[in-house]
Amino acid sequence: METGQTYAGGEGVLMITGMNVSFGLYGHIAGDKPDKDMLVSIGVGVGF
């Protein structure tokens, strides 16, 4: 991702017996010539 780009969106988190799974979707809202119109984030973690 180039500098000077701004993205906004949302992220959801599902927690089952200490395991966290997250999924996010972000759309480009500001900046010139974005590399991508949308960004996707996926995460997995363990919580105590």
N, C-alpha and C. Protein backbone atom coordinates (compact mmCIF):
# COMPACT_ATOMS: atom_id res chain seq x y z
N MET A 1 0.85 -1.16 0.00
CA MET A 1 0.00 0.00 0.00
C MET A 1 0.90 1.24 0.00
N GLU A 2 0.57 2.20 -0.85
CA GLU A 2 1.34 3.43 -0.94
C GLU A 2 1.00 4.37 0.22
N THR A 3 1.92 5.28 0.54
CA THR A 3 1.65 6.27 1.57
C THR A 3 0.59 7.25 1.07
N GLY A 4 -0.12 7.88 1.99
CA GLY A 4 -1.12 8.87 1.64
C GLY A 4 -2.47 8.29 1.24
N GLN A 5 -2.69 7.01 1.48
CA GLN A 5 -3.96 6.37 1.17
C GLN A 5 -4.76 6.20 2.47
N THR A 6 -6.07 6.38 2.37
CA THR A 6 -6.94 6.21 3.54
C THR A 6 -8.02 5.19 3.22
N TYR A 7 -8.21 4.23 4.13
CA TYR A 7 -9.21 3.20 3.99
C TYR A 7 -10.11 3.21 5.22
N ALA A 8 -11.39 2.89 5.04
CA ALA A 8 -12.33 2.78 6.16
C ALA A 8 -13.17 1.53 5.96
N GLY A 9 -13.58 0.92 7.04
CA GLY A 9 -14.39 -0.29 6.92
C GLY A 9 -14.73 -0.84 8.28
N GLY A 10 -14.94 -2.13 8.31
CA GLY A 10 -15.34 -2.78 9.56
C GLY A 10 -14.67 -4.12 9.73
N GLU A 11 -14.75 -4.59 10.98
CA GLU A 11 -14.14 -5.87 11.31
C GLU A 11 -15.04 -6.60 12.28
N GLY A 12 -15.20 -7.88 12.06
CA GLY A 12 -15.98 -8.72 12.97
C GLY A 12 -15.08 -9.74 13.63
N VAL A 13 -15.40 -10.06 14.90
CA VAL A 13 -14.61 -11.02 15.66
C VAL A 13 -15.54 -12.09 16.21
N LEU A 14 -15.14 -13.34 16.04
CA LEU A 14 -15.86 -14.48 16.58
C LEU A 14 -14.95 -15.17 17.59
N MET A 15 -15.46 -15.37 18.82
CA MET A 15 -14.66 -16.01 19.85
C MET A 15 -15.36 -17.28 20.31
N ILE A 16 -14.65 -18.40 20.19
CA ILE A 16 -15.19 -19.70 20.62
C ILE A 16 -14.13 -20.37 21.48
N THR A 17 -14.47 -20.61 22.74
CA THR A 17 -13.59 -21.28 23.72
C THR A 17 -12.14 -20.80 23.66
N GLY A 18 -11.96 -19.50 23.69
CA GLY A 18 -10.62 -18.93 23.75
C GLY A 18 -9.95 -18.68 22.41
N MET A 19 -10.51 -19.17 21.32
CA MET A 19 -9.96 -18.92 19.98
C MET A 19 -10.68 -17.74 19.36
N ASN A 20 -9.92 -16.78 18.86
CA ASN A 20 -10.49 -15.61 18.19
C ASN A 20 -10.23 -15.71 16.69
N VAL A 21 -11.27 -15.44 15.91
CA VAL A 21 -11.14 -15.37 14.46
C VAL A 21 -11.74 -14.04 14.04
N SER A 22 -10.98 -13.26 13.26
CA SER A 22 -11.48 -11.95 12.83
C SER A 22 -11.41 -11.83 11.31
N PHE A 23 -12.33 -11.04 10.77
CA PHE A 23 -12.40 -10.79 9.34
C PHE A 23 -12.77 -9.33 9.15
N GLY A 24 -12.01 -8.61 8.34
CA GLY A 24 -12.28 -7.20 8.08
C GLY A 24 -12.30 -6.89 6.60
N LEU A 25 -13.07 -5.89 6.22
CA LEU A 25 -13.17 -5.45 4.84
C LEU A 25 -13.13 -3.92 4.85
N TYR A 26 -12.20 -3.35 4.09
CA TYR A 26 -11.96 -1.91 4.10
C TYR A 26 -11.96 -1.36 2.68
N GLY A 27 -12.66 -0.25 2.46
CA GLY A 27 -12.73 0.38 1.14
C GLY A 27 -11.90 1.65 1.09
N HIS A 28 -11.33 1.95 -0.06
CA HIS A 28 -10.51 3.15 -0.27
C HIS A 28 -11.41 4.38 -0.26
N ILE A 29 -11.06 5.39 0.56
CA ILE A 29 -11.88 6.60 0.63
C ILE A 29 -11.11 7.87 0.29
N ALA A 30 -9.77 7.87 0.35
CA ALA A 30 -9.00 9.08 0.04
C ALA A 30 -7.59 8.72 -0.41
N GLY A 31 -7.02 9.61 -1.23
CA GLY A 31 -5.67 9.41 -1.75
C GLY A 31 -5.71 9.18 -3.25
N ASP A 32 -4.62 9.52 -3.93
CA ASP A 32 -4.55 9.38 -5.38
C ASP A 32 -4.04 8.01 -5.78
N LYS A 33 -4.61 7.47 -6.84
CA LYS A 33 -4.15 6.22 -7.48
C LYS A 33 -3.88 5.09 -6.49
N PRO A 34 -4.92 4.56 -5.87
CA PRO A 34 -4.70 3.46 -4.91
C PRO A 34 -4.27 2.19 -5.63
N ASP A 35 -3.42 1.40 -4.98
CA ASP A 35 -3.04 0.09 -5.51
C ASP A 35 -4.25 -0.84 -5.50
N LYS A 36 -5.08 -0.71 -4.46
CA LYS A 36 -6.25 -1.58 -4.30
C LYS A 36 -7.45 -0.74 -3.89
N ASP A 37 -8.63 -1.08 -4.42
CA ASP A 37 -9.86 -0.40 -4.03
C ASP A 37 -10.39 -0.94 -2.71
N MET A 38 -10.11 -2.21 -2.42
CA MET A 38 -10.57 -2.85 -1.19
C MET A 38 -9.41 -3.60 -0.54
N LEU A 39 -9.39 -3.62 0.78
CA LEU A 39 -8.42 -4.41 1.55
C LEU A 39 -9.18 -5.41 2.40
N VAL A 40 -8.64 -6.60 2.55
CA VAL A 40 -9.23 -7.65 3.38
C VAL A 40 -8.22 -8.00 4.47
N SER A 41 -8.71 -8.15 5.71
CA SER A 41 -7.83 -8.60 6.79
C SER A 41 -8.46 -9.83 7.44
N ILE A 42 -7.61 -10.78 7.78
CA ILE A 42 -8.03 -12.01 8.43
C ILE A 42 -7.05 -12.26 9.58
N GLY A 43 -7.59 -12.62 10.74
CA GLY A 43 -6.72 -12.88 11.88
C GLY A 43 -7.21 -14.05 12.72
N VAL A 44 -6.26 -14.70 13.37
CA VAL A 44 -6.57 -15.80 14.29
C VAL A 44 -5.72 -15.59 15.52
N GLY A 45 -6.32 -15.82 16.69
CA GLY A 45 -5.56 -15.64 17.93
C GLY A 45 -6.11 -16.49 19.05
N VAL A 46 -5.41 -16.48 20.16
CA VAL A 46 -5.81 -17.22 21.35
C VAL A 46 -5.94 -16.23 22.50
N GLY A 47 -7.05 -16.27 23.19
CA GLY A 47 -7.27 -15.38 24.33
C GLY A 47 -7.40 -16.17 25.62
N PHE A 48 -7.06 -15.53 26.70
CA PHE A 48 -7.14 -16.20 28.01
C PHE A 48 -8.12 -15.50 28.89
